[in-house]
Amino acid sequence: MEKIVSGKHEFEIVEHVPQGYEIWNIGENMIDGYLPLAQVDSDYKVNPKTLKAIKVDGAQIILSAVGYKPKTVKGMEKFINKYDGNKSKQWIVDKIKKALPIMRTIKGL
């Protein structure tokens, strides 16, 4: 099982997003080229013992977009449909539009 270490966290490398995991929005605190994945409880506490990462070209583009809540392809599409053309949220829509094609290539999202 291949692993990487980013800061104080160890991540198991995976080929797809496992069920029960979501993108962990740690922004630029992740090794470039890897998307961090975490199991999160109902209080949004991350289980640091089960962290995973998936190698993705454009991972930082995705991390830049998921900071604004939509962390799935479906969630991003809904956000775009709701806010495209809204001047106060257009900059977020633009980030999500840039991330969405990359998100669609990731198995499990």
PDB file of N, CA and C in Angstrom:
ATOM      1  N   MET A   1       0.850  -1.172   0.000  1.00  0.00           N
ATOM      2  CA  MET A   1       0.000   0.000   0.000  1.00  0.00           C
ATOM      3  C   MET A   1       0.900   1.240   0.000  1.00  0.00           C
ATOM      4  N   GLU A   2       0.748   2.053  -1.036  1.00  0.00           N
ATOM      5  CA  GLU A   2       1.570   3.251  -1.176  1.00  0.00           C
ATOM      6  C   GLU A   2       0.994   4.383  -0.327  1.00  0.00           C
ATOM      7  N   LYS A   3       1.890   5.153   0.288  1.00  0.00           N
ATOM      8  CA  LYS A   3       1.466   6.269   1.140  1.00  0.00           C
ATOM      9  C   LYS A   3       2.304   7.500   0.834  1.00  0.00           C
ATOM     10  N   ILE A   4       1.722   8.665   1.148  1.00  0.00           N
ATOM     11  CA  ILE A   4       2.462   9.920   1.099  1.00  0.00           C
ATOM     12  C   ILE A   4       2.245  10.641   2.426  1.00  0.00           C
ATOM     13  N   VAL A   5       3.166  11.513   2.755  1.00  0.00           N
ATOM     14  CA  VAL A   5       3.047  12.314   3.968  1.00  0.00           C
ATOM     15  C   VAL A   5       3.047  13.779   3.558  1.00  0.00           C
ATOM     16  N   SER A   6       2.042  14.494   4.058  1.00  0.00           N
ATOM     17  CA  SER A   6       1.935  15.932   3.817  1.00  0.00           C
ATOM     18  C   SER A   6       1.765  16.591   5.174  1.00  0.00           C
ATOM     19  N   GLY A   7       2.791  17.335   5.578  1.00  0.00           N
ATOM     20  CA  GLY A   7       2.764  17.912   6.916  1.00  0.00           C
ATOM     21  C   GLY A   7       2.774  16.813   7.952  1.00  0.00           C
ATOM     22  N   LYS A   8       1.810  16.846   8.853  1.00  0.00           N
ATOM     23  CA  LYS A   8       1.741  15.819   9.900  1.00  0.00           C
ATOM     24  C   LYS A   8       0.770  14.696   9.558  1.00  0.00           C
ATOM     25  N   HIS A   9       0.236  14.696   8.326  1.00  0.00           N
ATOM     26  CA  HIS A   9      -0.762  13.703   7.941  1.00  0.00           C
ATOM     27  C   HIS A   9      -0.208  12.688   6.944  1.00  0.00           C
ATOM     28  N   GLU A  10      -0.612  11.440   7.138  1.00  0.00           N
ATOM     29  CA  GLU A  10      -0.233  10.356   6.241  1.00  0.00           C
ATOM     30  C   GLU A  10      -1.477   9.940   5.450  1.00  0.00           C
ATOM     31  N   PHE A  11      -1.309   9.795   4.139  1.00  0.00           N
ATOM     32  CA  PHE A  11      -2.416   9.470   3.242  1.00  0.00           C
ATOM     33  C   PHE A  11      -2.101   8.186   2.475  1.00  0.00           C
ATOM     34  N   GLU A  12      -3.064   7.284   2.451  1.00  0.00           N
ATOM     35  CA  GLU A  12      -2.963   6.103   1.608  1.00  0.00           C
ATOM     36  C   GLU A  12      -3.383   6.521   0.189  1.00  0.00           C
ATOM     37  N   ILE A  13      -2.594   6.156  -0.799  1.00  0.00           N
ATOM     38  CA  ILE A  13      -2.907   6.492  -2.195  1.00  0.00           C
ATOM     39  C   ILE A  13      -3.959   5.506  -2.708  1.00  0.00           C
ATOM     40  N   VAL A  14      -5.004   6.051  -3.337  1.00  0.00           N
ATOM     41  CA  VAL A  14      -6.086   5.229  -3.896  1.00  0.00           C
ATOM     42  C   VAL A  14      -6.322   5.614  -5.359  1.00  0.00           C
ATOM     43  N   GLU A  15      -7.017   4.747  -6.074  1.00  0.00           N
ATOM     44  CA  GLU A  15      -7.317   4.964  -7.496  1.00  0.00           C
ATOM     45  C   GLU A  15      -8.678   5.613  -7.719  1.00  0.00           C
ATOM     46  N   HIS A  16      -9.543   5.547  -6.710  1.00  0.00           N
ATOM     47  CA  HIS A  16     -10.878   6.140  -6.801  1.00  0.00           C
ATOM     48  C   HIS A  16     -11.296   6.609  -5.406  1.00  0.00           C
ATOM     49  N   VAL A  17     -12.331   7.426  -5.349  1.00  0.00           N
ATOM     50  CA  VAL A  17     -12.823   7.916  -4.068  1.00  0.00           C
ATOM     51  C   VAL A  17     -13.662   6.806  -3.424  1.00  0.00           C
ATOM     52  N   PRO A  18     -13.230   6.300  -2.268  1.00  0.00           N
ATOM     53  CA  PRO A  18     -13.997   5.233  -1.616  1.00  0.00           C
ATOM     54  C   PRO A  18     -15.336   5.762  -1.088  1.00  0.00           C
ATOM     55  N   GLN A  19     -16.301   4.863  -0.995  1.00  0.00           N
ATOM     56  CA  GLN A  19     -17.599   5.232  -0.430  1.00  0.00           C
ATOM     57  C   GLN A  19     -17.397   5.706   1.004  1.00  0.00           C
ATOM     58  N   GLY A  20     -18.093   6.772   1.367  1.00  0.00           N
ATOM     59  CA  GLY A  20     -17.982   7.322   2.710  1.00  0.00           C
ATOM     60  C   GLY A  20     -16.886   8.366   2.863  1.00  0.00           C
ATOM     61  N   TYR A  21     -16.200   8.672   1.766  1.00  0.00           N
ATOM     62  CA  TYR A  21     -15.140   9.682   1.792  1.00  0.00           C
ATOM     63  C   TYR A  21     -15.575  10.909   1.006  1.00  0.00           C
ATOM     64  N   GLU A  22     -15.011  12.036   1.383  1.00  0.00           N
ATOM     65  CA  GLU A  22     -15.237  13.265   0.629  1.00  0.00           C
ATOM     66  C   GLU A  22     -13.920  14.011   0.503  1.00  0.00           C
ATOM     67  N   ILE A  23     -13.913  14.979  -0.391  1.00  0.00           N
ATOM     68  CA  ILE A  23     -12.717  15.802  -0.561  1.00  0.00           C
ATOM     69  C   ILE A  23     -12.512  16.595   0.724  1.00  0.00           C
ATOM     70  N   TRP A  24     -11.305  16.532   1.232  1.00  0.00           N
ATOM     71  CA  TRP A  24     -10.964  17.267   2.445  1.00  0.00           C
ATOM     72  C   TRP A  24     -10.352  18.594   2.019  1.00  0.00           C
ATOM     73  N   ASN A  25     -11.029  19.660   2.308  1.00  0.00           N
ATOM     74  CA  ASN A  25     -10.599  20.978   1.870  1.00  0.00           C
ATOM     75  C   ASN A  25      -9.478  21.514   2.754  1.00  0.00           C
ATOM     76  N   ILE A  26      -8.251  21.113   2.428  1.00  0.00           N
ATOM     77  CA  ILE A  26      -7.098  21.643   3.164  1.00  0.00           C
ATOM     78  C   ILE A  26      -6.273  22.576   2.281  1.00  0.00           C
ATOM     79  N   GLY A  27      -6.827  22.913   1.113  1.00  0.00           N
ATOM     80  CA  GLY A  27      -6.219  23.908   0.231  1.00  0.00           C
ATOM     81  C   GLY A  27      -4.784  23.613  -0.129  1.00  0.00           C
ATOM     82  N   GLU A  28      -3.952  24.620  -0.025  1.00  0.00           N
ATOM     83  CA  GLU A  28      -2.553  24.502  -0.445  1.00  0.00           C
ATOM     84  C   GLU A  28      -1.708  23.728   0.558  1.00  0.00           C
ATOM     85  N   ASN A  29      -2.327  23.188   1.599  1.00  0.00           N
ATOM     86  CA  ASN A  29      -1.593  22.415   2.592  1.00  0.00           C
ATOM     87  C   ASN A  29      -1.409  20.962   2.178  1.00  0.00           C
ATOM     88  N   MET A  30      -1.713  20.654   0.933  1.00  0.00           N
ATOM     89  CA  MET A  30      -1.580  19.294   0.411  1.00  0.00           C
ATOM     90  C   MET A  30      -0.496  19.278  -0.651  1.00  0.00           C
ATOM     91  N   ILE A  31       0.170  18.152  -0.780  1.00  0.00           N
ATOM     92  CA  ILE A  31       1.174  17.989  -1.833  1.00  0.00           C
ATOM     93  C   ILE A  31       0.510  18.217  -3.173  1.00  0.00           C
ATOM     94  N   ASP A  32       1.102  19.061  -3.991  1.00  0.00           N
ATOM     95  CA  ASP A  32       0.529  19.384  -5.296  1.00  0.00           C
ATOM     96  C   ASP A  32       0.366  18.116  -6.128  1.00  0.00           C
ATOM     97  N   GLY A  33      -0.778  18.002  -6.772  1.00  0.00           N
ATOM     98  CA  GLY A  33      -1.049  16.848  -7.618  1.00  0.00           C
ATOM     99  C   GLY A  33      -1.830  15.748  -6.926  1.00  0.00           C
ATOM    100  N   TYR A  34      -2.132  15.935  -5.650  1.00  0.00           N
ATOM    101  CA  TYR A  34      -2.906  14.948  -4.899  1.00  0.00           C
ATOM    102  C   TYR A  34      -4.129  15.616  -4.282  1.00  0.00           C
ATOM    103  N   LEU A  35      -5.249  14.921  -4.361  1.00  0.00           N
ATOM    104  CA  LEU A  35      -6.499  15.392  -3.786  1.00  0.00           C
ATOM    105  C   LEU A  35      -6.718  14.636  -2.479  1.00  0.00           C
ATOM    106  N   PRO A  36      -6.784  15.350  -1.338  1.00  0.00           N
ATOM    107  CA  PRO A  36      -6.973  14.680  -0.052  1.00  0.00           C
ATOM    108  C   PRO A  36      -8.420  14.250   0.148  1.00  0.00           C
ATOM    109  N   LEU A  37      -8.586  13.052   0.703  1.00  0.00           N
ATOM    110  CA  LEU A  37      -9.913  12.495   0.958  1.00  0.00           C
ATOM    111  C   LEU A  37      -9.998  12.098   2.422  1.00  0.00           C
ATOM    112  N   ALA A  38     -11.169  12.332   3.011  1.00  0.00           N
ATOM    113  CA  ALA A  38     -11.317  12.022   4.436  1.00  0.00           C
ATOM    114  C   ALA A  38     -12.712  11.494   4.740  1.00  0.00           C
ATOM    115  N   GLN A  39     -12.786  10.710   5.795  1.00  0.00           N
ATOM    116  CA  GLN A  39     -14.063  10.334   6.389  1.00  0.00           C
ATOM    117  C   GLN A  39     -14.386  11.435   7.390  1.00  0.00           C
ATOM    118  N   VAL A  40     -15.595  11.964   7.297  1.00  0.00           N
ATOM    119  CA  VAL A  40     -15.988  13.091   8.132  1.00  0.00           C
ATOM    120  C   VAL A  40     -17.264  12.715   8.882  1.00  0.00           C
ATOM    121  N   ASP A  41     -17.292  13.011  10.194  1.00  0.00           N
ATOM    122  CA  ASP A  41     -18.492  12.679  10.961  1.00  0.00           C
ATOM    123  C   ASP A  41     -19.529  13.797  10.870  1.00  0.00           C
ATOM    124  N   SER A  42     -20.630  13.649  11.581  1.00  0.00           N
ATOM    125  CA  SER A  42     -21.731  14.622  11.488  1.00  0.00           C
ATOM    126  C   SER A  42     -21.348  16.004  12.002  1.00  0.00           C
ATOM    127  N   ASP A  43     -20.290  16.097  12.786  1.00  0.00           N
ATOM    128  CA  ASP A  43     -19.798  17.390  13.276  1.00  0.00           C
ATOM    129  C   ASP A  43     -18.657  17.922  12.413  1.00  0.00           C
ATOM    130  N   TYR A  44     -18.449  17.290  11.252  1.00  0.00           N
ATOM    131  CA  TYR A  44     -17.380  17.626  10.310  1.00  0.00           C
ATOM    132  C   TYR A  44     -15.983  17.455  10.902  1.00  0.00           C
ATOM    133  N   LYS A  45     -15.853  16.500  11.806  1.00  0.00           N
ATOM    134  CA  LYS A  45     -14.539  16.145  12.329  1.00  0.00           C
ATOM    135  C   LYS A  45     -13.961  15.062  11.431  1.00  0.00           C
ATOM    136  N   VAL A  46     -12.719  15.270  11.045  1.00  0.00           N
ATOM    137  CA  VAL A  46     -12.014  14.343  10.153  1.00  0.00           C
ATOM    138  C   VAL A  46     -11.372  13.230  10.965  1.00  0.00           C
ATOM    139  N   ASN A  47     -11.465  12.008  10.452  1.00  0.00           N
ATOM    140  CA  ASN A  47     -10.774  10.875  11.076  1.00  0.00           C
ATOM    141  C   ASN A  47      -9.351  10.849  10.511  1.00  0.00           C
ATOM    142  N   PRO A  48      -8.349  11.291  11.270  1.00  0.00           N
ATOM    143  CA  PRO A  48      -6.987  11.378  10.754  1.00  0.00           C
ATOM    144  C   PRO A  48      -6.320  10.024  10.527  1.00  0.00           C
ATOM    145  N   LYS A  49      -6.907   8.951  11.034  1.00  0.00           N
ATOM    146  CA  LYS A  49      -6.317   7.620  10.895  1.00  0.00           C
ATOM    147  C   LYS A  49      -6.686   6.940   9.580  1.00  0.00           C
ATOM    148  N   THR A  50      -7.645   7.500   8.843  1.00  0.00           N
ATOM    149  CA  THR A  50      -8.119   6.840   7.620  1.00  0.00           C
ATOM    150  C   THR A  50      -7.990   7.734   6.392  1.00  0.00           C
ATOM    151  N   LEU A  51      -7.081   8.687   6.409  1.00  0.00           N
ATOM    152  CA  LEU A  51      -6.931   9.625   5.287  1.00  0.00           C
ATOM    153  C   LEU A  51      -6.458   8.906   4.027  1.00  0.00           C
ATOM    154  N   LYS A  52      -6.967   9.374   2.905  1.00  0.00           N
ATOM    155  CA  LYS A  52      -6.579   8.820   1.610  1.00  0.00           C
ATOM    156  C   LYS A  52      -6.316   9.986   0.666  1.00  0.00           C
ATOM    157  N   ALA A  53      -5.646   9.703  -0.441  1.00  0.00           N
ATOM    158  CA  ALA A  53      -5.383  10.724  -1.455  1.00  0.00           C
ATOM    159  C   ALA A  53      -5.429  10.062  -2.822  1.00  0.00           C
ATOM    160  N   ILE A  54      -5.837  10.832  -3.795  1.00  0.00           N
ATOM    161  CA  ILE A  54      -5.886  10.343  -5.167  1.00  0.00           C
ATOM    162  C   ILE A  54      -5.073  11.303  -6.027  1.00  0.00           C
ATOM    163  N   LYS A  55      -4.232  10.744  -6.887  1.00  0.00           N
ATOM    164  CA  LYS A  55      -3.397  11.569  -7.765  1.00  0.00           C
ATOM    165  C   LYS A  55      -4.281  12.151  -8.862  1.00  0.00           C
ATOM    166  N   VAL A  56      -4.274  13.487  -8.961  1.00  0.00           N
ATOM    167  CA  VAL A  56      -5.135  14.189  -9.916  1.00  0.00           C
ATOM    168  C   VAL A  56      -4.392  15.407 -10.459  1.00  0.00           C
ATOM    169  N   ASP A  57      -4.260  15.463 -11.790  1.00  0.00           N
ATOM    170  CA  ASP A  57      -3.762  16.697 -12.389  1.00  0.00           C
ATOM    171  C   ASP A  57      -4.850  17.749 -12.186  1.00  0.00           C
ATOM    172  N   GLY A  58      -4.498  18.868 -11.595  1.00  0.00           N
ATOM    173  CA  GLY A  58      -5.488  19.914 -11.330  1.00  0.00           C
ATOM    174  C   GLY A  58      -6.075  19.838  -9.932  1.00  0.00           C
ATOM    175  N   ALA A  59      -5.429  19.099  -9.043  1.00  0.00           N
ATOM    176  CA  ALA A  59      -5.951  18.954  -7.677  1.00  0.00           C
ATOM    177  C   ALA A  59      -6.118  20.312  -6.989  1.00  0.00           C
ATOM    178  N   GLN A  60      -5.174  21.218  -7.165  1.00  0.00           N
ATOM    179  CA  GLN A  60      -5.279  22.533  -6.518  1.00  0.00           C
ATOM    180  C   GLN A  60      -6.444  23.348  -7.084  1.00  0.00           C
ATOM    181  N   ILE A  61      -6.785  23.139  -8.341  1.00  0.00           N
ATOM    182  CA  ILE A  61      -7.946  23.818  -8.933  1.00  0.00           C
ATOM    183  C   ILE A  61      -9.215  23.340  -8.232  1.00  0.00           C
ATOM    184  N   ILE A  62      -9.296  22.037  -7.998  1.00  0.00           N
ATOM    185  CA  ILE A  62     -10.446  21.475  -7.293  1.00  0.00           C
ATOM    186  C   ILE A  62     -10.487  21.997  -5.858  1.00  0.00           C
ATOM    187  N   LEU A  63      -9.367  21.961  -5.166  1.00  0.00           N
ATOM    188  CA  LEU A  63      -9.333  22.423  -3.784  1.00  0.00           C
ATOM    189  C   LEU A  63      -9.729  23.894  -3.673  1.00  0.00           C
ATOM    190  N   SER A  64      -9.374  24.683  -4.672  1.00  0.00           N
ATOM    191  CA  SER A  64      -9.760  26.094  -4.692  1.00  0.00           C
ATOM    192  C   SER A  64     -11.273  26.246  -4.806  1.00  0.00           C
ATOM    193  N   ALA A  65     -11.915  25.333  -5.519  1.00  0.00           N
ATOM    194  CA  ALA A  65     -13.364  25.413  -5.725  1.00  0.00           C
ATOM    195  C   ALA A  65     -14.156  24.818  -4.566  1.00  0.00           C
ATOM    196  N   VAL A  66     -13.700  23.713  -3.986  1.00  0.00           N
ATOM    197  CA  VAL A  66     -14.487  23.056  -2.948  1.00  0.00           C
ATOM    198  C   VAL A  66     -14.508  23.827  -1.635  1.00  0.00           C
ATOM    199  N   GLY A  67     -13.699  24.837  -1.524  1.00  0.00           N
ATOM    200  CA  GLY A  67     -13.740  25.689  -0.341  1.00  0.00           C
ATOM    201  C   GLY A  67     -15.055  26.437  -0.211  1.00  0.00           C
ATOM    202  N   TYR A  68     -15.865  26.409  -1.247  1.00  0.00           N
ATOM    203  CA  TYR A  68     -17.142  27.130  -1.248  1.00  0.00           C
ATOM    204  C   TYR A  68     -18.318  26.180  -1.183  1.00  0.00           C
ATOM    205  N   LYS A  69     -18.117  25.005  -0.646  1.00  0.00           N
ATOM    206  CA  LYS A  69     -19.090  23.984  -0.271  1.00  0.00           C
ATOM    207  C   LYS A  69     -19.349  22.864  -1.265  1.00  0.00           C
ATOM    208  N   PRO A  70     -19.639  23.087  -2.538  1.00  0.00           N
ATOM    209  CA  PRO A  70     -19.958  21.906  -3.350  1.00  0.00           C
ATOM    210  C   PRO A  70     -18.729  21.017  -3.533  1.00  0.00           C
ATOM    211  N   LYS A  71     -18.825  19.758  -3.047  1.00  0.00           N
ATOM    212  CA  LYS A  71     -17.678  18.848  -3.073  1.00  0.00           C
ATOM    213  C   LYS A  71     -17.912  17.640  -3.969  1.00  0.00           C
ATOM    214  N   THR A  72     -19.006  17.689  -4.723  1.00  0.00           N
ATOM    215  CA  THR A  72     -19.323  16.601  -5.649  1.00  0.00           C
ATOM    216  C   THR A  72     -19.651  17.199  -7.012  1.00  0.00           C
ATOM    217  N   VAL A  73     -19.614  16.356  -8.034  1.00  0.00           N
ATOM    218  CA  VAL A  73     -19.979  16.815  -9.379  1.00  0.00           C
ATOM    219  C   VAL A  73     -21.404  17.353  -9.364  1.00  0.00           C
ATOM    220  N   LYS A  74     -22.318  16.590  -8.778  1.00  0.00           N
ATOM    221  CA  LYS A  74     -23.726  17.006  -8.729  1.00  0.00           C
ATOM    222  C   LYS A  74     -23.890  18.328  -7.973  1.00  0.00           C
ATOM    223  N   GLY A  75     -23.193  18.463  -6.859  1.00  0.00           N
ATOM    224  CA  GLY A  75     -23.260  19.696  -6.080  1.00  0.00           C
ATOM    225  C   GLY A  75     -22.728  20.895  -6.846  1.00  0.00           C
ATOM    226  N   MET A  76     -21.649  20.679  -7.590  1.00  0.00           N
ATOM    227  CA  MET A  76     -21.088  21.768  -8.401  1.00  0.00           C
ATOM    228  C   MET A  76     -22.044  22.167  -9.522  1.00  0.00           C
ATOM    229  N   GLU A  77     -22.649  21.184 -10.156  1.00  0.00           N
ATOM    230  CA  GLU A  77     -23.599  21.488 -11.236  1.00  0.00           C
ATOM    231  C   GLU A  77     -24.791  22.272 -10.693  1.00  0.00           C
ATOM    232  N   LYS A  78     -25.293  21.897  -9.525  1.00  0.00           N
ATOM    233  CA  LYS A  78     -26.414  22.621  -8.909  1.00  0.00           C
ATOM    234  C   LYS A  78     -26.014  24.051  -8.570  1.00  0.00           C
ATOM    235  N   PHE A  79     -24.807  24.230  -8.037  1.00  0.00           N
ATOM    236  CA  PHE A  79     -24.325  25.563  -7.680  1.00  0.00           C
ATOM    237  C   PHE A  79     -24.249  26.443  -8.918  1.00  0.00           C
ATOM    238  N   ILE A  80     -23.696  25.913 -10.003  1.00  0.00           N
ATOM    239  CA  ILE A  80     -23.589  26.679 -11.250  1.00  0.00           C
ATOM    240  C   ILE A  80     -24.975  27.058 -11.759  1.00  0.00           C
ATOM    241  N   ASN A  81     -25.890  26.103 -11.786  1.00  0.00           N
ATOM    242  CA  ASN A  81     -27.246  26.369 -12.271  1.00  0.00           C
ATOM    243  C   ASN A  81     -27.942  27.444 -11.442  1.00  0.00           C
ATOM    244  N   LYS A  82     -27.700  27.440 -10.144  1.00  0.00           N
ATOM    245  CA  LYS A  82     -28.356  28.396  -9.254  1.00  0.00           C
ATOM    246  C   LYS A  82     -27.734  29.795  -9.316  1.00  0.00           C
ATOM    247  N   TYR A  83     -26.418  29.868  -9.426  1.00  0.00           N
ATOM    248  CA  TYR A  83     -25.747  31.155  -9.255  1.00  0.00           C
ATOM    249  C   TYR A  83     -25.071  31.729 -10.504  1.00  0.00           C
ATOM    250  N   ASP A  84     -25.054  31.008 -11.609  1.00  0.00           N
ATOM    251  CA  ASP A  84     -24.427  31.554 -12.822  1.00  0.00           C
ATOM    252  C   ASP A  84     -25.163  32.827 -13.226  1.00  0.00           C
ATOM    253  N   GLY A  85     -24.428  33.887 -13.359  1.00  0.00           N
ATOM    254  CA  GLY A  85     -25.014  35.181 -13.687  1.00  0.00           C
ATOM    255  C   GLY A  85     -25.228  36.073 -12.467  1.00  0.00           C
ATOM    256  N   ASN A  86     -25.098  35.521 -11.269  1.00  0.00           N
ATOM    257  CA  ASN A  86     -25.212  36.294 -10.037  1.00  0.00           C
ATOM    258  C   ASN A  86     -23.885  37.017  -9.826  1.00  0.00           C
ATOM    259  N   LYS A  87     -23.903  38.334  -9.943  1.00  0.00           N
ATOM    260  CA  LYS A  87     -22.654  39.104  -9.904  1.00  0.00           C
ATOM    261  C   LYS A  87     -21.850  38.887  -8.623  1.00  0.00           C
ATOM    262  N   SER A  88     -22.520  38.740  -7.501  1.00  0.00           N
ATOM    263  CA  SER A  88     -21.780  38.599  -6.242  1.00  0.00           C
ATOM    264  C   SER A  88     -21.159  37.210  -6.078  1.00  0.00           C
ATOM    265  N   LYS A  89     -21.653  36.214  -6.824  1.00  0.00           N
ATOM    266  CA  LYS A  89     -21.121  34.858  -6.697  1.00  0.00           C
ATOM    267  C   LYS A  89     -20.443  34.361  -7.966  1.00  0.00           C
ATOM    268  N   GLN A  90     -20.334  35.221  -8.969  1.00  0.00           N
ATOM    269  CA  GLN A  90     -19.781  34.775 -10.245  1.00  0.00           C
ATOM    270  C   GLN A  90     -18.332  34.305 -10.119  1.00  0.00           C
ATOM    271  N   TRP A  91     -17.563  34.905  -9.259  1.00  0.00           N
ATOM    272  CA  TRP A  91     -16.172  34.486  -9.095  1.00  0.00           C
ATOM    273  C   TRP A  91     -16.083  33.053  -8.542  1.00  0.00           C
ATOM    274  N   ILE A  92     -17.055  32.672  -7.699  1.00  0.00           N
ATOM    275  CA  ILE A  92     -17.097  31.294  -7.199  1.00  0.00           C
ATOM    276  C   ILE A  92     -17.540  30.361  -8.327  1.00  0.00           C
ATOM    277  N   VAL A  93     -18.560  30.785  -9.072  1.00  0.00           N
ATOM    278  CA  VAL A  93     -19.043  30.000 -10.210  1.00  0.00           C
ATOM    279  C   VAL A  93     -17.898  29.736 -11.180  1.00  0.00           C
ATOM    280  N   ASP A  94     -17.086  30.739 -11.428  1.00  0.00           N
ATOM    281  CA  ASP A  94     -15.962  30.589 -12.361  1.00  0.00           C
ATOM    282  C   ASP A  94     -14.950  29.551 -11.856  1.00  0.00           C
ATOM    283  N   LYS A  95     -14.666  29.562 -10.552  1.00  0.00           N
ATOM    284  CA  LYS A  95     -13.760  28.554  -9.972  1.00  0.00           C
ATOM    285  C   LYS A  95     -14.341  27.153 -10.131  1.00  0.00           C
ATOM    286  N   ILE A  96     -15.637  27.029  -9.879  1.00  0.00           N
ATOM    287  CA  ILE A  96     -16.297  25.729  -9.975  1.00  0.00           C
ATOM    288  C   ILE A  96     -16.341  25.257 -11.420  1.00  0.00           C
ATOM    289  N   LYS A  97     -16.612  26.160 -12.349  1.00  0.00           N
ATOM    290  CA  LYS A  97     -16.626  25.794 -13.769  1.00  0.00           C
ATOM    291  C   LYS A  97     -15.255  25.285 -14.217  1.00  0.00           C
ATOM    292  N   LYS A  98     -14.213  25.854 -13.663  1.00  0.00           N
ATOM    293  CA  LYS A  98     -12.858  25.419 -14.003  1.00  0.00           C
ATOM    294  C   LYS A  98     -12.560  24.035 -13.415  1.00  0.00           C
ATOM    295  N   ALA A  99     -13.089  23.762 -12.224  1.00  0.00           N
ATOM    296  CA  ALA A  99     -12.834  22.494 -11.535  1.00  0.00           C
ATOM    297  C   ALA A  99     -13.708  21.355 -12.047  1.00  0.00           C
ATOM    298  N   LEU A 100     -14.900  21.657 -12.512  1.00  0.00           N
ATOM    299  CA  LEU A 100     -15.875  20.626 -12.857  1.00  0.00           C
ATOM    300  C   LEU A 100     -15.388  19.612 -13.893  1.00  0.00           C
ATOM    301  N   PRO A 101     -14.755  20.015 -14.988  1.00  0.00           N
ATOM    302  CA  PRO A 101     -14.273  18.998 -15.935  1.00  0.00           C
ATOM    303  C   PRO A 101     -13.257  18.039 -15.318  1.00  0.00           C
ATOM    304  N   ILE A 102     -12.448  18.533 -14.405  1.00  0.00           N
ATOM    305  CA  ILE A 102     -11.467  17.670 -13.731  1.00  0.00           C
ATOM    306  C   ILE A 102     -12.200  16.721 -12.780  1.00  0.00           C
ATOM    307  N   MET A 103     -13.176  17.247 -12.050  1.00  0.00           N
ATOM    308  CA  MET A 103     -13.958  16.427 -11.125  1.00  0.00           C
ATOM    309  C   MET A 103     -14.633  15.265 -11.851  1.00  0.00           C
ATOM    310  N   ARG A 104     -15.104  15.515 -13.050  1.00  0.00           N
ATOM    311  CA  ARG A 104     -15.823  14.476 -13.810  1.00  0.00           C
ATOM    312  C   ARG A 104     -14.922  13.305 -14.182  1.00  0.00           C
ATOM    313  N   THR A 105     -13.606  13.496 -14.134  1.00  0.00           N
ATOM    314  CA  THR A 105     -12.676  12.414 -14.487  1.00  0.00           C
ATOM    315  C   THR A 105     -12.329  11.520 -13.294  1.00  0.00           C
ATOM    316  N   ILE A 106     -12.747  11.898 -12.094  1.00  0.00           N
ATOM    317  CA  ILE A 106     -12.367  11.179 -10.873  1.00  0.00           C
ATOM    318  C   ILE A 106     -13.402  10.104 -10.556  1.00  0.00           C
ATOM    319  N   LYS A 107     -12.946   8.876 -10.475  1.00  0.00           N
ATOM    320  CA  LYS A 107     -13.846   7.760 -10.150  1.00  0.00           C
ATOM    321  C   LYS A 107     -14.334   7.885  -8.710  1.00  0.00           C
ATOM    322  N   GLY A 108     -15.618   7.747  -8.524  1.00  0.00           N
ATOM    323  CA  GLY A 108     -16.190   7.766  -7.188  1.00  0.00           C
ATOM    324  C   GLY A 108     -16.815   9.073  -6.775  1.00  0.00           C
ATOM    325  N   LEU A 109     -16.647  10.103  -7.602  1.00  0.00           N
ATOM    326  CA  LEU A 109     -17.293  11.374  -7.278  1.00  0.00           C
ATOM    327  C   LEU A 109     -18.564  11.491  -8.073  1.00  0.00           C
TER     328      LEU A 109
END
